Amino acid sequence: MTKMSRSLIGLCTLSTLSLLAACALNTPRLQQPSQIRSQTAATSQRAIPKPATIQMPSPNQNERPAGSTINTIVLHHTAMAGDARAVGNYFARPEAKTSSHYIVDRTGYLVQPVADNLRSWHAGRSEFNGVGDVNNFSIGIEICNLGDSVEAYSDAQYDGIIRLVAYLVSEYRIPLANITRHRDIAIPLGRKIDTSNNFSMARVNEGVRAVLNGTYRPPALNTPAEQPQLPAFREVIVQAGQTTLEDIADIHLDNPARWVELQAFNPQVSAKQLQVGQKIRVPNHIDFKIYEQHQH
């Protein structure tokens, strides 16, 4: 072999080795299945910021049971005309004996009476997926609305609900199937009617999915949202199985403790002896003086 041939072979060998090295550097490294699953989970679960909230602490709460995990969201309506601050003021009174983690105003702003890690008193006698006492493992959200299936839920309100629920789903890894209504978990079945018939769970679920995958388009709010003018009371008819004003308050005011308001609005009615077909006036506003008088 000539000297020139040996030189050519050496050059070819060096070029081949350089090419192989370059290929090795540019070839993606094989990942273990666990690494792939981890990355997939990270990209499919977006981190959603918590919406701004007004803190209005309620005494109507306690510690969650040891070992409990937040895995459910329960939606309610407030059954009153007051705004979210008015509801927060009501929850701040011990005699209310009820609370929620969040309140969504008709204009979309949020009030937080109870911290997420604490057990708010919103579900009462309840069961979800075969597990009782839903307060132990859920987040309760009150939505400002009369709950009469007539008052509409505003676009600003749906936007506030969707952003809040999306944050909670993201923060606590809550399955979308575990976003439910009070009426679906209350026992016995039929004890509650919230959220009302004109509330769209489909809109909430679709909006939450869109927020989580980054495609959410908030509604166009052409004018600032305003508090609606609502009547002082509404009228309901006593149904079979409803025998006391506590029963009526539990269903139509979402709190049996509010029977004292019903008594004040219906002084001619016996609180313990209702008749099927009887008409009961239900107040749309809370008068705290009624509770003060009742305590005395």
Foldseek 3Di string as FASTA:
>chain_A
DDPVVVVVVVVVVVVVVVVVVVCVVPDDDDDDPVVVVVVVVDLLQDQADADDAAELAAPLWAAAPPPAAAAAEAEFEQLFQDFQVQVSVLRNDVLQNFDFQWEAGLLGHIYGHDDPRIQTHQQPFWDDPRRTDCSNHYGYYYYYDNQPLPDARDLSRLVNLLSNVLNVCSVRVHDLVRYYYSQVIHPPRPLECPPHPNDDPVSSSVQSSCVRNVNHDRDDDPDRDDRDDDDFWDKDFDAPPDAFLLSVCCYRNVGSSCSLVQCVQPVVDDRGGDDGGDMTIGGNHDDVVSVVVVVD
